[in-house]
Amino acid sequence: MAEIIFSKGSGLNDSLFGKSQEPIKKVIKDYTEQFEKKSMLDKIFTMEKTNRFAEKYTSETSLGDFENVGENGAYPKTGFQEGYNKVIEPYTWKSSFEVTKEMLEDAVYGKIKKKAISFTQSYNRTREKLGAAMLAGGIGTNVTFGKSIYDTTTADGKALFSQEHTSITGEMGDQSNIFTSAFSVDAMDKMEEAMQSFCDDNGNLLSIMPNTIIIPNSAALKRKVIAAIDSQYDPESDKNAVNFQVGLWRVLVWNYLPKTLGGKPYWIMADEDFNTSYDGLIWLDRVNLTVKSHVDENTDANVWSGRARFGAGFNNWRGIAICGEGLTGTAL
């Protein structure tokens, strides 16, 4: 669980609000912990802490192959080239709620607890909604969340999901990780094959092994996906053909994702290990949720203010791909 930092103004212990401080802190802490258990952020993004205003992510092209130099041959000299880079910056987020003096005087403790719960849910929900908005918004180069616009490009300057991912060396043609098709076992097989064919900037295969399917909370799509990965036999054939996809996948249903893109269902495939090892989808926490409590001298209310700094961004696109009927992508 992420640490929550609490601070309170002087004199609160001696005031009418004194006894409410610890119970409210406990509600905020407990409900944050409960929310985090159901969060999808750490299952999709690489969660990182930073102590800087931004982080720069970069890569290097692969080393050339070993060469047959014959007996007593010299070691060949091969080198690396710096790949594309991406700067990801955390943003500052704030909110607050009030406990009025009248609430404590009238012992309306249930209402006070609800305010603390709502504050906690708002914080965690904001994080979840930002992550989902950016992931779904990856079909374009930016996405609007709240009143701000967020960058959804990867290090090569293309959208997270694009048909035109380029190579910095020029040794590899454009690659696509956005596909057009309705969901089916056949489409799933072809999408997996396409991801397993992704290459680095020098044209070398990367041995990508997608192991995660991410979908929105759509009943019809959930049924199709589960049937495709859990049926011993091909669910779309009456010939008892063996379904080799059984047991190879975990499915993440993210309620905060839009149910459709382009007006049609979609699904996402990801290689969790590649994303972690090669800095694919990054979530940066700069400042943990810091909650301070003080009394407003003008209203006599106990004000609880929360501040945090976090953000997300995309570096390497190769560990993830998207497919849907409503998307403009490579046909499967």
Protein backbone atom coordinates (compact mmCIF):
# COMPACT_ATOMS: atom_id res chain seq x y z
CA MET A 1 0.00 0.00 0.00
CA ALA A 2 1.21 3.51 -0.80
CA GLU A 3 2.16 5.48 2.30
CA ILE A 4 -0.21 8.27 3.32
CA ILE A 5 1.35 11.21 5.14
CA PHE A 6 -0.84 12.94 7.75
CA SER A 7 -0.27 16.26 9.45
CA LYS A 8 -2.52 18.46 11.56
CA GLY A 9 -2.53 22.02 12.75
CA SER A 10 -1.65 22.98 16.29
CA GLY A 11 -4.43 23.13 18.83
CA LEU A 12 -6.63 20.51 17.19
CA ASN A 13 -6.14 18.04 20.04
CA ASP A 14 -7.48 20.57 22.49
CA SER A 15 -10.45 21.58 20.36
CA LEU A 16 -13.84 20.00 19.79
CA PHE A 17 -12.34 18.30 16.72
CA GLY A 18 -9.60 16.55 18.68
CA LYS A 19 -11.35 13.19 19.11
CA SER A 20 -12.32 13.02 15.42
CA GLN A 21 -8.78 13.19 14.06
CA GLU A 22 -7.66 9.59 14.51
CA PRO A 23 -10.96 7.97 13.36
CA ILE A 24 -10.94 10.05 10.15
CA LYS A 25 -7.29 9.17 9.49
CA LYS A 26 -8.14 5.48 9.95
CA VAL A 27 -11.05 5.69 7.48
CA ILE A 28 -8.84 7.33 4.84
CA LYS A 29 -6.10 4.75 5.32
CA ASP A 30 -8.39 1.71 5.42
CA TYR A 31 -10.46 2.66 2.38
CA THR A 32 -7.36 3.49 0.35
CA GLU A 33 -6.01 0.03 1.15
CA GLN A 34 -9.29 -1.60 0.12
CA PHE A 35 -9.38 0.30 -3.17
CA GLU A 36 -5.76 -0.57 -4.00
CA LYS A 37 -6.52 -4.28 -3.72
CA LYS A 38 -8.91 -3.93 -6.68
CA SER A 39 -6.81 -1.46 -8.64
CA MET A 40 -5.63 -2.36 -12.15
CA LEU A 41 -2.86 0.24 -12.27
CA ASP A 42 -0.10 -1.98 -10.90
CA LYS A 43 -1.21 -4.86 -13.13
CA ILE A 44 -0.94 -2.81 -16.34
CA PHE A 45 1.59 -0.06 -15.63
CA THR A 46 5.12 -0.30 -14.30
CA MET A 47 4.82 1.54 -10.98
CA GLU A 48 7.84 3.70 -10.18
CA LYS A 49 8.79 6.25 -7.54
CA THR A 50 10.69 9.37 -8.45
CA ASN A 51 12.26 12.23 -6.51
CA ARG A 52 12.61 14.48 -9.57
CA PHE A 53 10.23 16.74 -11.47
CA ALA A 54 10.34 14.31 -14.42
CA GLU A 55 11.98 11.10 -15.59
CA LYS A 56 13.63 10.45 -18.94
CA TYR A 57 13.32 6.95 -20.37
CA THR A 58 15.55 5.82 -23.20
CA SER A 59 16.74 2.65 -24.88
CA GLU A 60 19.64 1.32 -26.87
CA THR A 61 19.55 -0.62 -30.10
CA SER A 62 20.57 -4.25 -29.90
CA LEU A 63 24.11 -5.53 -30.19
CA GLY A 64 24.95 -7.22 -33.48
CA ASP A 65 25.03 -11.02 -33.77
CA PHE A 66 28.05 -13.11 -32.80
CA GLU A 67 30.29 -13.78 -35.79
CA ASN A 68 32.27 -16.83 -36.91
CA VAL A 69 35.82 -15.45 -36.88
CA GLY A 70 37.68 -18.72 -37.45
CA GLU A 71 40.60 -20.02 -35.42
CA ASN A 72 42.35 -17.34 -33.40
CA GLY A 73 40.16 -14.65 -35.01
CA ALA A 74 39.87 -11.17 -33.52
CA TYR A 75 36.81 -10.06 -31.61
CA PRO A 76 34.51 -8.10 -33.92
CA LYS A 77 33.59 -4.62 -32.78
CA THR A 78 29.90 -3.94 -32.57
CA GLY A 79 28.21 -1.06 -30.84
CA PHE A 80 24.97 0.31 -29.55
CA GLN A 81 23.04 3.33 -30.68
CA GLU A 82 20.79 5.30 -28.36
CA GLY A 83 17.16 4.74 -29.23
CA TYR A 84 14.20 7.05 -28.89
CA ASN A 85 13.63 8.66 -25.50
CA LYS A 86 10.58 9.84 -23.58
CA VAL A 87 10.16 12.31 -20.71
CA ILE A 88 7.31 11.61 -18.28
CA GLU A 89 6.26 14.21 -15.74
CA PRO A 90 4.13 13.82 -12.58
CA TYR A 91 1.33 16.34 -12.07
CA THR A 92 0.00 17.94 -8.89
CA TRP A 93 -3.45 16.84 -7.71
CA LYS A 94 -5.48 18.34 -4.85
CA SER A 95 -8.86 18.00 -3.12
CA SER A 96 -10.43 18.67 0.27
CA PHE A 97 -13.48 18.16 2.47
CA GLU A 98 -14.84 19.83 5.59
CA VAL A 99 -16.21 18.63 8.88
CA THR A 100 -18.36 21.40 10.32
CA LYS A 101 -18.42 22.26 13.98
CA GLU A 102 -22.17 21.66 13.95
CA MET A 103 -21.63 18.04 12.83
CA LEU A 104 -19.51 17.33 15.89
CA GLU A 105 -21.79 19.29 18.22
CA ASP A 106 -24.74 17.26 16.94
CA ALA A 107 -22.69 14.00 16.90
CA VAL A 108 -23.43 13.29 13.23
CA TYR A 109 -20.58 10.77 13.04
CA GLY A 110 -22.07 8.75 10.17
CA LYS A 111 -22.04 11.81 7.94
CA ILE A 112 -18.48 12.61 8.94
CA LYS A 113 -17.38 9.08 8.03
CA LYS A 114 -19.12 9.34 4.64
CA LYS A 115 -17.21 12.53 3.88
CA ALA A 116 -13.91 10.80 4.66
CA ILE A 117 -14.86 7.79 2.54
CA SER A 118 -15.88 10.00 -0.37
CA PHE A 119 -12.56 11.86 -0.16
CA THR A 120 -10.63 8.59 -0.23
CA GLN A 121 -12.68 7.18 -3.10
CA SER A 122 -12.18 10.39 -5.05
CA TYR A 123 -8.39 10.16 -4.76
CA ASN A 124 -8.16 6.52 -5.78
CA ARG A 125 -10.82 6.87 -8.47
CA THR A 126 -8.92 9.78 -10.02
CA ARG A 127 -5.79 7.68 -10.33
CA GLU A 128 -7.71 4.78 -11.83
CA LYS A 129 -9.64 6.98 -14.27
CA LEU A 130 -6.47 8.74 -15.43
CA GLY A 131 -4.75 5.43 -16.15
CA ALA A 132 -7.76 4.04 -18.02
CA ALA A 133 -8.28 7.26 -19.98
CA MET A 134 -4.67 7.29 -21.11
CA LEU A 135 -4.68 3.62 -22.08
CA ALA A 136 -7.88 3.92 -24.15
CA GLY A 137 -6.70 7.30 -25.41
CA GLY A 138 -3.59 5.60 -26.74
CA ILE A 139 -5.36 5.18 -30.10
CA GLY A 140 -4.56 8.89 -30.54
CA THR A 141 -1.67 11.18 -29.63
CA ASN A 142 -3.40 12.82 -26.67
CA VAL A 143 -6.43 12.50 -24.45
CA THR A 144 -8.48 14.99 -22.44
CA PHE A 145 -9.05 14.09 -18.80
CA GLY A 146 -10.82 16.62 -16.63
CA LYS A 147 -9.67 20.06 -17.74
CA SER A 148 -6.24 18.98 -18.98
CA ILE A 149 -4.77 17.28 -22.05
CA TYR A 150 -2.33 14.41 -21.61
CA ASP A 151 0.26 13.08 -24.03
CA THR A 152 -0.36 9.48 -25.15
CA THR A 153 2.57 9.11 -27.53
CA THR A 154 5.46 6.73 -27.05
CA ALA A 155 9.17 7.49 -27.38
CA ASP A 156 9.01 7.38 -31.19
CA GLY A 157 6.47 10.22 -31.21
CA LYS A 158 3.62 8.03 -32.43
CA ALA A 159 0.41 7.19 -30.58
CA LEU A 160 0.73 4.25 -28.17
CA PHE A 161 -1.37 2.24 -30.63
CA SER A 162 -0.24 3.08 -34.16
CA GLN A 163 0.32 1.54 -37.59
CA GLU A 164 3.41 3.68 -38.08
CA HIS A 165 5.87 2.90 -35.29
CA THR A 166 9.27 3.73 -36.72
CA SER A 167 12.85 2.53 -36.27
CA ILE A 168 15.49 5.05 -35.21
CA THR A 169 18.13 3.20 -37.22
CA GLY A 170 16.06 2.97 -40.38
CA GLU A 171 16.79 -0.76 -40.55
CA MET A 172 13.21 -1.75 -39.78
CA GLY A 173 10.05 -0.75 -41.63
CA ASP A 174 7.01 0.67 -39.87
CA GLN A 175 5.34 -1.68 -37.40
CA SER A 176 1.73 -1.75 -36.23
CA ASN A 177 0.23 -2.57 -32.85
CA ILE A 178 -3.33 -1.53 -33.71
CA PHE A 179 -5.54 -4.04 -35.52
CA THR A 180 -9.02 -4.18 -36.99
CA SER A 181 -11.23 -7.20 -36.37
CA ALA A 182 -14.16 -8.45 -34.33
CA PHE A 183 -13.13 -10.68 -31.44
CA SER A 184 -12.78 -14.35 -32.34
CA VAL A 185 -10.38 -17.17 -31.57
CA ASP A 186 -8.92 -16.76 -35.05
CA ALA A 187 -8.40 -13.01 -34.56
CA MET A 188 -6.85 -13.68 -31.18
CA ASP A 189 -4.42 -16.19 -32.71
CA LYS A 190 -3.42 -13.74 -35.45
CA MET A 191 -2.98 -10.86 -33.04
CA GLU A 192 -0.76 -12.98 -30.81
CA GLU A 193 1.30 -13.98 -33.85
CA ALA A 194 1.66 -10.34 -34.90
CA MET A 195 2.94 -9.35 -31.47
CA GLN A 196 5.38 -12.25 -31.44
CA SER A 197 6.77 -10.83 -34.70
CA PHE A 198 7.57 -7.39 -33.27
CA CYS A 199 11.22 -6.44 -33.82
CA ASP A 200 13.63 -3.97 -32.28
CA ASP A 201 15.08 -1.00 -34.16
CA ASN A 202 17.64 -3.25 -35.84
CA GLY A 203 15.06 -5.75 -37.08
CA ASN A 204 15.79 -8.42 -34.46
CA LEU A 205 12.91 -10.45 -33.03
CA LEU A 206 12.18 -9.62 -29.41
CA SER A 207 10.63 -12.90 -28.25
CA ILE A 208 7.50 -11.13 -27.04
CA MET A 209 5.04 -13.48 -25.38
CA PRO A 210 1.72 -11.76 -24.68
CA ASN A 211 0.14 -13.23 -21.56
CA THR A 212 -2.52 -10.69 -20.54
CA ILE A 213 -5.84 -9.65 -22.09
CA ILE A 214 -7.35 -6.36 -20.94
CA ILE A 215 -11.02 -5.63 -21.62
CA PRO A 216 -13.71 -3.22 -20.43
CA ASN A 217 -16.62 -4.42 -18.32
CA SER A 218 -18.72 -5.73 -21.21
CA ALA A 219 -20.76 -8.85 -20.47
CA ALA A 220 -20.83 -10.04 -24.09
CA LEU A 221 -17.09 -9.53 -24.57
CA LYS A 222 -16.24 -11.17 -21.24
CA ARG A 223 -18.16 -14.29 -22.27
CA LYS A 224 -16.37 -14.47 -25.63
CA VAL A 225 -12.93 -13.95 -24.15
CA ILE A 226 -13.38 -16.47 -21.33
CA ALA A 227 -14.74 -19.03 -23.78
CA ALA A 228 -11.72 -18.47 -26.03
CA ILE A 229 -9.11 -19.01 -23.32
CA ASP A 230 -10.80 -21.50 -20.99
CA SER A 231 -12.47 -23.95 -23.37
CA GLN A 232 -10.58 -27.18 -23.88
CA TYR A 233 -11.87 -27.34 -27.45
CA ASP A 234 -12.19 -24.57 -30.00
CA PRO A 235 -15.42 -22.78 -29.00
CA GLU A 236 -16.05 -21.76 -32.61
CA SER A 237 -15.77 -25.24 -34.12
CA ASP A 238 -17.94 -28.36 -33.88
CA LYS A 239 -15.01 -30.61 -34.88
CA ASN A 240 -13.59 -30.92 -31.35
CA ALA A 241 -10.43 -29.11 -32.43
CA VAL A 242 -8.01 -28.59 -29.54
CA ASN A 243 -7.85 -25.00 -28.29
CA PHE A 244 -4.15 -24.31 -27.67
CA GLN A 245 -4.93 -21.01 -25.93
CA VAL A 246 -6.22 -22.76 -22.80
CA GLY A 247 -4.37 -21.74 -19.65
CA LEU A 248 -2.05 -19.22 -21.35
CA TRP A 249 -3.78 -16.00 -20.36
CA ARG A 250 -4.93 -13.87 -17.48
CA VAL A 251 -7.86 -11.56 -18.11
CA LEU A 252 -8.10 -8.11 -16.55
CA VAL A 253 -11.56 -6.52 -16.62
CA TRP A 254 -11.13 -2.79 -16.02
CA ASN A 255 -14.40 -1.03 -15.14
CA TYR A 256 -12.93 2.38 -15.89
CA LEU A 257 -12.21 1.64 -19.54
CA PRO A 258 -14.83 2.82 -22.06
CA LYS A 259 -17.00 -0.10 -23.19
CA THR A 260 -16.40 0.65 -26.87
CA LEU A 261 -13.95 2.49 -29.10
CA GLY A 262 -15.19 3.73 -32.44
CA GLY A 263 -18.60 2.48 -31.35
CA LYS A 264 -17.46 -1.17 -31.29
CA PRO A 265 -15.99 -3.62 -28.74
CA TYR A 266 -12.20 -3.91 -28.45
CA TRP A 267 -9.60 -5.80 -26.50
CA ILE A 268 -5.95 -5.30 -25.57
CA MET A 269 -3.12 -7.83 -25.44
CA ALA A 270 -0.01 -7.24 -23.35
CA ASP A 271 3.25 -8.91 -22.40
CA GLU A 272 3.56 -8.00 -18.73
CA ASP A 273 7.20 -9.07 -18.49
CA PHE A 274 8.26 -7.04 -21.54
CA ASN A 275 6.46 -3.94 -20.29
CA THR A 276 8.26 -4.20 -16.96
CA SER A 277 11.70 -5.00 -18.39
CA TYR A 278 11.65 -2.44 -21.20
CA ASP A 279 9.81 0.46 -19.54
CA GLY A 280 6.66 0.21 -21.60
CA LEU A 281 3.74 1.79 -19.73
CA ILE A 282 5.00 3.95 -16.86
CA TRP A 283 3.19 5.22 -13.78
CA LEU A 284 5.20 7.75 -11.76
CA ASP A 285 4.49 8.58 -8.11
CA ARG A 286 6.40 11.70 -7.06
CA VAL A 287 4.66 12.65 -3.79
CA ASN A 288 2.44 10.27 -1.84
CA LEU A 289 -1.00 11.42 -0.77
CA THR A 290 -0.33 14.04 1.90
CA VAL A 291 -3.33 14.91 4.08
CA LYS A 292 -3.36 17.86 6.44
CA SER A 293 -6.02 18.91 8.90
CA HIS A 294 -6.65 22.42 10.17
CA VAL A 295 -9.46 24.63 11.46
CA ASP A 296 -10.73 27.39 9.18
CA GLU A 297 -10.91 30.50 11.36
CA ASN A 298 -13.65 32.03 9.23
CA THR A 299 -16.06 29.07 9.35
CA ASP A 300 -14.82 27.07 12.39
CA ALA A 301 -14.87 23.99 10.14
CA ASN A 302 -12.21 21.28 10.29
CA VAL A 303 -10.74 21.23 6.79
CA TRP A 304 -9.01 18.09 5.48
CA SER A 305 -6.84 18.80 2.43
CA GLY A 306 -5.17 16.18 0.27
CA ARG A 307 -2.29 16.71 -2.16
CA ALA A 308 -0.33 14.25 -4.31
CA ARG A 309 1.90 14.27 -7.37
CA PHE A 310 1.63 11.47 -9.91
CA GLY A 311 1.43 10.96 -13.64
CA ALA A 312 1.64 8.37 -16.39
CA GLY A 313 3.13 8.02 -19.84
CA PHE A 314 4.26 5.59 -22.49
CA ASN A 315 7.79 4.76 -23.58
CA ASN A 316 8.14 1.45 -25.45
CA TRP A 317 5.05 0.33 -27.40
CA ARG A 318 6.11 -3.21 -28.24
CA GLY A 319 4.66 -4.93 -25.17
CA ILE A 320 1.05 -4.03 -25.94
CA ALA A 321 -1.46 -4.04 -28.82
CA ILE A 322 -5.13 -3.29 -29.36
CA CYS A 323 -7.78 -4.70 -31.69
CA GLY A 324 -11.40 -3.80 -32.42
CA GLU A 325 -13.97 -3.47 -35.18
CA GLY A 326 -14.24 0.28 -34.71
CA LEU A 327 -10.50 0.98 -34.90
CA THR A 328 -8.46 2.14 -37.86
CA GLY A 329 -5.68 -0.41 -37.91
CA THR A 330 -4.03 -3.30 -39.67
CA ALA A 331 -6.53 -5.95 -40.74
CA LEU A 332 -6.08 -9.35 -39.13
